[in-house]
Amino acid sequence: MSTRTRVDPAANAQLFILQDQVHEPMHDRFLWATMMRRNGEAAAIPEWEELRGIASKIKEHTLTHLDRYLEEFEANATKRGAHVHWALDAAEHNSIVHTILHDHGVKELIKSKSMLQEECAMTPFLEKRGITVIESDLGERIQQLDGQPPSHIVFPAIHKTRRDVADVFARTLVLLGHKRLRLLDIAAQSASM
């Protein structure tokens, strides 16, 4: 169902490296610092490797018995009043979501980070049907404002420098209009109280 073109990681990486002398070193410093923090945390836990092994076994067991766990989830969620929807593919997923939103008259929504939504290309699907989707995760929002997909599952805008982000905000936030800028002002004032 995805309307996106296939990503070529090797070509994208080459373009990223060649674009200038700022982005690659910034990216390398950030990843190195992230790796060092992770390694420091791991070293502080004597049983780190044992815990990784246990987590790996839990993941393998869960994926092996995923059908059972999904049915158990559905039963428990239904008992608590939830309605669980099942979809065979991205097209059916997007159709279900759109039907729910349409039936409730939704024209605009704020969504949280979701890899399922990303894999199903839900945002462009909904936008083509007149529903405005606003990302709530800052990295995802930066990418959305710049018209780009996330570049990383955890750090969606990792490839952008502070200057890049400032340029995106300067170029796009003005376009959001006075009403939304006023809401941003109110939110900023509330945060400073």
C-alpha atoms as a PDB file:
ATOM      1  CA  MET A   1       0.000   0.000   0.000  1.00  0.00           C
ATOM      2  CA  SER A   2       2.944   2.318   0.581  1.00  0.00           C
ATOM      3  CA  THR A   3       3.166   5.211  -1.830  1.00  0.00           C
ATOM      4  CA  ARG A   4       6.818   5.762  -1.010  1.00  0.00           C
ATOM      5  CA  THR A   5       9.695   4.887  -3.248  1.00  0.00           C
ATOM      6  CA  ARG A   6      12.208   2.324  -2.062  1.00  0.00           C
ATOM      7  CA  VAL A   7      15.010   3.694   0.092  1.00  0.00           C
ATOM      8  CA  ASP A   8      18.566   3.141  -1.100  1.00  0.00           C
ATOM      9  CA  PRO A   9      20.622   3.328   2.136  1.00  0.00           C
ATOM     10  CA  ALA A  10      24.003   3.139   0.362  1.00  0.00           C
ATOM     11  CA  ALA A  11      23.157   5.981  -2.027  1.00  0.00           C
ATOM     12  CA  ASN A  12      21.638   8.071   0.772  1.00  0.00           C
ATOM     13  CA  ALA A  13      24.721   7.537   2.954  1.00  0.00           C
ATOM     14  CA  GLN A  14      27.014   8.575   0.106  1.00  0.00           C
ATOM     15  CA  LEU A  15      24.990  11.754  -0.516  1.00  0.00           C
ATOM     16  CA  PHE A  16      25.006  12.520   3.217  1.00  0.00           C
ATOM     17  CA  ILE A  17      28.795  12.146   3.428  1.00  0.00           C
ATOM     18  CA  LEU A  18      29.441  14.230   0.324  1.00  0.00           C
ATOM     19  CA  GLN A  19      27.007  17.082   1.018  1.00  0.00           C
ATOM     20  CA  ASP A  20      29.400  19.182   3.138  1.00  0.00           C
ATOM     21  CA  GLN A  21      32.011  19.092   5.912  1.00  0.00           C
ATOM     22  CA  VAL A  22      29.485  19.664   8.724  1.00  0.00           C
ATOM     23  CA  HIS A  23      26.873  16.897   8.733  1.00  0.00           C
ATOM     24  CA  GLU A  24      29.021  13.760   8.791  1.00  0.00           C
ATOM     25  CA  PRO A  25      31.306  14.877  11.666  1.00  0.00           C
ATOM     26  CA  MET A  26      28.266  16.055  13.684  1.00  0.00           C
ATOM     27  CA  HIS A  27      26.531  12.737  13.045  1.00  0.00           C
ATOM     28  CA  ASP A  28      29.653  10.763  14.006  1.00  0.00           C
ATOM     29  CA  ARG A  29      30.094  12.736  17.263  1.00  0.00           C
ATOM     30  CA  PHE A  30      26.449  12.192  18.198  1.00  0.00           C
ATOM     31  CA  LEU A  31      26.552   8.451  17.494  1.00  0.00           C
ATOM     32  CA  TRP A  32      29.871   8.053  19.313  1.00  0.00           C
ATOM     33  CA  ALA A  33      28.508   9.866  22.392  1.00  0.00           C
ATOM     34  CA  THR A  34      25.333   7.760  22.278  1.00  0.00           C
ATOM     35  CA  MET A  35      27.385   4.562  22.031  1.00  0.00           C
ATOM     36  CA  MET A  36      29.618   5.623  24.924  1.00  0.00           C
ATOM     37  CA  ARG A  37      26.585   6.392  27.129  1.00  0.00           C
ATOM     38  CA  ARG A  38      25.082   3.005  26.277  1.00  0.00           C
ATOM     39  CA  ASN A  39      28.365   1.209  26.956  1.00  0.00           C
ATOM     40  CA  GLY A  40      28.742   3.060  30.267  1.00  0.00           C
ATOM     41  CA  GLU A  41      25.261   2.028  31.351  1.00  0.00           C
ATOM     42  CA  ALA A  42      25.905  -1.575  30.307  1.00  0.00           C
ATOM     43  CA  ALA A  43      29.222  -1.688  32.176  1.00  0.00           C
ATOM     44  CA  ALA A  44      27.478  -0.489  35.347  1.00  0.00           C
ATOM     45  CA  ILE A  45      25.253  -3.592  35.354  1.00  0.00           C
ATOM     46  CA  PRO A  46      27.318  -6.697  36.133  1.00  0.00           C
ATOM     47  CA  GLU A  47      24.695  -9.088  34.759  1.00  0.00           C
ATOM     48  CA  TRP A  48      24.243  -7.116  31.504  1.00  0.00           C
ATOM     49  CA  GLU A  49      25.088  -9.984  29.153  1.00  0.00           C
ATOM     50  CA  GLU A  50      22.949 -12.414  31.130  1.00  0.00           C
ATOM     51  CA  LEU A  51      20.004  -9.982  30.941  1.00  0.00           C
ATOM     52  CA  ARG A  52      20.539  -9.575  27.183  1.00  0.00           C
ATOM     53  CA  GLY A  53      20.395 -13.358  26.807  1.00  0.00           C
ATOM     54  CA  ILE A  54      17.175 -13.563  28.839  1.00  0.00           C
ATOM     55  CA  ALA A  55      15.626 -10.738  26.803  1.00  0.00           C
ATOM     56  CA  SER A  56      16.596 -12.507  23.582  1.00  0.00           C
ATOM     57  CA  LYS A  57      14.928 -15.732  24.743  1.00  0.00           C
ATOM     58  CA  ILE A  58      11.766 -13.850  25.771  1.00  0.00           C
ATOM     59  CA  LYS A  59      11.626 -12.158  22.360  1.00  0.00           C
ATOM     60  CA  GLU A  60      12.138 -15.451  20.524  1.00  0.00           C
ATOM     61  CA  HIS A  61       9.441 -17.169  22.614  1.00  0.00           C
ATOM     62  CA  THR A  62       6.993 -14.299  22.114  1.00  0.00           C
ATOM     63  CA  LEU A  63       7.484 -14.179  18.349  1.00  0.00           C
ATOM     64  CA  THR A  64       7.188 -17.960  18.123  1.00  0.00           C
ATOM     65  CA  HIS A  65       3.841 -17.814  19.955  1.00  0.00           C
ATOM     66  CA  LEU A  66       2.691 -14.419  18.697  1.00  0.00           C
ATOM     67  CA  ASP A  67      -0.677 -15.714  17.491  1.00  0.00           C
ATOM     68  CA  ARG A  68      -1.529 -16.916  20.989  1.00  0.00           C
ATOM     69  CA  TYR A  69      -0.417 -13.672  22.650  1.00  0.00           C
ATOM     70  CA  LEU A  70      -2.358 -11.521  20.187  1.00  0.00           C
ATOM     71  CA  GLU A  71      -5.529 -13.521  20.830  1.00  0.00           C
ATOM     72  CA  GLU A  72      -4.923 -13.267  24.585  1.00  0.00           C
ATOM     73  CA  PHE A  73      -4.490  -9.512  24.245  1.00  0.00           C
ATOM     74  CA  GLU A  74      -7.708  -9.237  22.245  1.00  0.00           C
ATOM     75  CA  ALA A  75      -9.643 -11.241  24.848  1.00  0.00           C
ATOM     76  CA  ASN A  76      -8.333  -9.122  27.737  1.00  0.00           C
ATOM     77  CA  ALA A  77      -8.806  -5.815  25.921  1.00  0.00           C
ATOM     78  CA  THR A  78     -12.356  -6.772  24.883  1.00  0.00           C
ATOM     79  CA  LYS A  79     -13.206  -7.691  28.477  1.00  0.00           C
ATOM     80  CA  ARG A  80     -12.180  -4.173  29.449  1.00  0.00           C
ATOM     81  CA  GLY A  81     -14.389  -2.552  26.816  1.00  0.00           C
ATOM     82  CA  ALA A  82     -11.913  -2.042  23.977  1.00  0.00           C
ATOM     83  CA  HIS A  83     -12.667  -2.918  20.373  1.00  0.00           C
ATOM     84  CA  VAL A  84      -9.734  -4.656  18.676  1.00  0.00           C
ATOM     85  CA  HIS A  85      -9.432  -4.382  14.904  1.00  0.00           C
ATOM     86  CA  TRP A  86      -7.522  -6.927  12.812  1.00  0.00           C
ATOM     87  CA  ALA A  87      -5.972  -5.989   9.474  1.00  0.00           C
ATOM     88  CA  LEU A  88      -4.303  -8.250   6.925  1.00  0.00           C
ATOM     89  CA  ASP A  89      -2.139  -5.538   5.386  1.00  0.00           C
ATOM     90  CA  ALA A  90      -1.396  -1.812   5.240  1.00  0.00           C
ATOM     91  CA  ALA A  91      -4.361  -1.078   2.973  1.00  0.00           C
ATOM     92  CA  GLU A  92      -6.824  -2.688   5.377  1.00  0.00           C
ATOM     93  CA  HIS A  93      -5.145  -1.031   8.383  1.00  0.00           C
ATOM     94  CA  ASN A  94      -5.411   2.419   6.802  1.00  0.00           C
ATOM     95  CA  SER A  95      -8.993   1.807   5.756  1.00  0.00           C
ATOM     96  CA  ILE A  96      -9.994   0.820   9.297  1.00  0.00           C
ATOM     97  CA  VAL A  97      -8.294   3.886  10.797  1.00  0.00           C
ATOM     98  CA  HIS A  98      -9.852   6.200   8.206  1.00  0.00           C
ATOM     99  CA  THR A  99     -13.328   4.742   8.762  1.00  0.00           C
ATOM    100  CA  ILE A 100     -13.067   5.319  12.524  1.00  0.00           C
ATOM    101  CA  LEU A 101     -11.856   8.899  12.052  1.00  0.00           C
ATOM    102  CA  HIS A 102     -14.437   9.641   9.347  1.00  0.00           C
ATOM    103  CA  ASP A 103     -17.283   8.233  11.458  1.00  0.00           C
ATOM    104  CA  HIS A 104     -16.276  10.597  14.271  1.00  0.00           C
ATOM    105  CA  GLY A 105     -15.878  13.631  12.004  1.00  0.00           C
ATOM    106  CA  VAL A 106     -12.153  13.979  12.640  1.00  0.00           C
ATOM    107  CA  LYS A 107     -10.444  16.519  10.380  1.00  0.00           C
ATOM    108  CA  GLU A 108      -7.200  16.960  12.309  1.00  0.00           C
ATOM    109  CA  LEU A 109      -5.269  14.696  14.666  1.00  0.00           C
ATOM    110  CA  ILE A 110      -2.081  14.706  16.653  1.00  0.00           C
ATOM    111  CA  LYS A 111      -0.350  11.352  16.604  1.00  0.00           C
ATOM    112  CA  SER A 112       2.414   9.823  18.628  1.00  0.00           C
ATOM    113  CA  LYS A 113       5.422   8.034  17.211  1.00  0.00           C
ATOM    114  CA  SER A 114       4.392   4.755  15.602  1.00  0.00           C
ATOM    115  CA  MET A 115       6.456   2.479  13.423  1.00  0.00           C
ATOM    116  CA  LEU A 116       3.288   0.629  12.354  1.00  0.00           C
ATOM    117  CA  GLN A 117       1.854   3.918  11.090  1.00  0.00           C
ATOM    118  CA  GLU A 118       5.119   4.623   9.299  1.00  0.00           C
ATOM    119  CA  GLU A 119       5.260   1.158   7.714  1.00  0.00           C
ATOM    120  CA  CYS A 120       1.643   1.455   6.571  1.00  0.00           C
ATOM    121  CA  ALA A 121       2.166   4.985   5.184  1.00  0.00           C
ATOM    122  CA  MET A 122      -0.898   6.038   7.170  1.00  0.00           C
ATOM    123  CA  THR A 123      -0.175   9.768   7.251  1.00  0.00           C
ATOM    124  CA  PRO A 124      -0.178  10.302   3.466  1.00  0.00           C
ATOM    125  CA  PHE A 125      -3.207   7.995   3.209  1.00  0.00           C
ATOM    126  CA  LEU A 126      -5.169  10.138   5.680  1.00  0.00           C
ATOM    127  CA  GLU A 127      -3.945  13.431   4.256  1.00  0.00           C
ATOM    128  CA  LYS A 128      -5.176  12.440   0.777  1.00  0.00           C
ATOM    129  CA  ARG A 129      -8.588  12.035   2.406  1.00  0.00           C
ATOM    130  CA  GLY A 130      -8.613  15.496   3.986  1.00  0.00           C
ATOM    131  CA  ILE A 131      -7.343  14.664   7.471  1.00  0.00           C
ATOM    132  CA  THR A 132      -4.444  16.757   8.761  1.00  0.00           C
ATOM    133  CA  VAL A 133      -1.931  14.695  10.753  1.00  0.00           C
ATOM    134  CA  ILE A 134       0.455  16.439  13.140  1.00  0.00           C
ATOM    135  CA  GLU A 135       3.386  14.553  14.645  1.00  0.00           C
ATOM    136  CA  SER A 136       3.842  14.953  18.420  1.00  0.00           C
ATOM    137  CA  ASP A 137       7.389  13.552  18.603  1.00  0.00           C
ATOM    138  CA  LEU A 138       9.786  16.465  18.028  1.00  0.00           C
ATOM    139  CA  GLY A 139      12.130  14.567  15.698  1.00  0.00           C
ATOM    140  CA  GLU A 140       9.200  13.201  13.708  1.00  0.00           C
ATOM    141  CA  ARG A 141       7.650  16.694  13.576  1.00  0.00           C
ATOM    142  CA  ILE A 142      10.887  18.209  12.273  1.00  0.00           C
ATOM    143  CA  GLN A 143      10.958  15.605   9.509  1.00  0.00           C
ATOM    144  CA  GLN A 144       7.261  16.136   8.763  1.00  0.00           C
ATOM    145  CA  LEU A 145       7.717  19.907   8.484  1.00  0.00           C
ATOM    146  CA  ASP A 146      10.644  19.287   6.117  1.00  0.00           C
ATOM    147  CA  GLY A 147       8.620  16.854   3.982  1.00  0.00           C
ATOM    148  CA  GLN A 148      10.967  13.952   4.744  1.00  0.00           C
ATOM    149  CA  PRO A 149      10.463  10.525   6.299  1.00  0.00           C
ATOM    150  CA  PRO A 150      12.272   9.741   9.569  1.00  0.00           C
ATOM    151  CA  SER A 151      15.882   8.774   9.001  1.00  0.00           C
ATOM    152  CA  HIS A 152      16.184   6.588  12.112  1.00  0.00           C
ATOM    153  CA  ILE A 153      13.763   4.606  14.268  1.00  0.00           C
ATOM    154  CA  VAL A 154      14.850   6.264  17.539  1.00  0.00           C
ATOM    155  CA  PHE A 155      16.378   9.520  16.274  1.00  0.00           C
ATOM    156  CA  PRO A 156      14.188  10.548  13.321  1.00  0.00           C
ATOM    157  CA  ALA A 157      16.129  13.735  12.524  1.00  0.00           C
ATOM    158  CA  ILE A 158      19.608  12.537  13.515  1.00  0.00           C
ATOM    159  CA  HIS A 159      21.101  13.738  10.239  1.00  0.00           C
ATOM    160  CA  LYS A 160      20.062  17.352  10.819  1.00  0.00           C
ATOM    161  CA  THR A 161      22.267  19.954  12.479  1.00  0.00           C
ATOM    162  CA  ARG A 162      20.843  22.638  14.766  1.00  0.00           C
ATOM    163  CA  ARG A 163      21.135  25.029  11.828  1.00  0.00           C
ATOM    164  CA  ASP A 164      19.115  22.636   9.634  1.00  0.00           C
ATOM    165  CA  VAL A 165      16.377  22.467  12.277  1.00  0.00           C
ATOM    166  CA  ALA A 166      16.364  26.251  12.694  1.00  0.00           C
ATOM    167  CA  ASP A 167      16.018  26.613   8.920  1.00  0.00           C
ATOM    168  CA  VAL A 168      13.110  24.133   8.850  1.00  0.00           C
ATOM    169  CA  PHE A 169      11.339  26.005  11.647  1.00  0.00           C
ATOM    170  CA  ALA A 170      11.974  29.408  10.071  1.00  0.00           C
ATOM    171  CA  ARG A 171      10.691  28.187   6.708  1.00  0.00           C
ATOM    172  CA  THR A 172       7.631  26.275   7.920  1.00  0.00           C
ATOM    173  CA  LEU A 173       6.326  27.619  11.222  1.00  0.00           C
ATOM    174  CA  VAL A 174       5.439  30.946   9.624  1.00  0.00           C
ATOM    175  CA  LEU A 175       3.346  29.007   7.113  1.00  0.00           C
ATOM    176  CA  LEU A 176       1.271  27.450   9.898  1.00  0.00           C
ATOM    177  CA  GLY A 177      -0.582  30.707  10.324  1.00  0.00           C
ATOM    178  CA  HIS A 178      -1.346  33.097  13.157  1.00  0.00           C
ATOM    179  CA  LYS A 179      -3.734  30.773  15.015  1.00  0.00           C
ATOM    180  CA  ARG A 180      -1.176  28.003  15.488  1.00  0.00           C
ATOM    181  CA  LEU A 181       1.622  30.435  16.285  1.00  0.00           C
ATOM    182  CA  ARG A 182      -0.610  31.934  18.998  1.00  0.00           C
ATOM    183  CA  LEU A 183      -1.127  28.415  20.401  1.00  0.00           C
ATOM    184  CA  LEU A 184       2.654  27.952  20.444  1.00  0.00           C
ATOM    185  CA  ASP A 185       2.998  31.260  22.329  1.00  0.00           C
ATOM    186  CA  ILE A 186       0.424  30.141  24.905  1.00  0.00           C
ATOM    187  CA  ALA A 187       2.163  26.787  25.328  1.00  0.00           C
ATOM    188  CA  ALA A 188       5.546  28.514  25.774  1.00  0.00           C
ATOM    189  CA  GLN A 189       4.095  30.874  28.382  1.00  0.00           C
ATOM    190  CA  SER A 190       2.523  27.968  30.265  1.00  0.00           C
ATOM    191  CA  ALA A 191       5.806  26.070  30.241  1.00  0.00           C
ATOM    192  CA  SER A 192       7.671  29.039  31.739  1.00  0.00           C
ATOM    193  CA  MET A 193       5.244  29.457  34.676  1.00  0.00           C
END
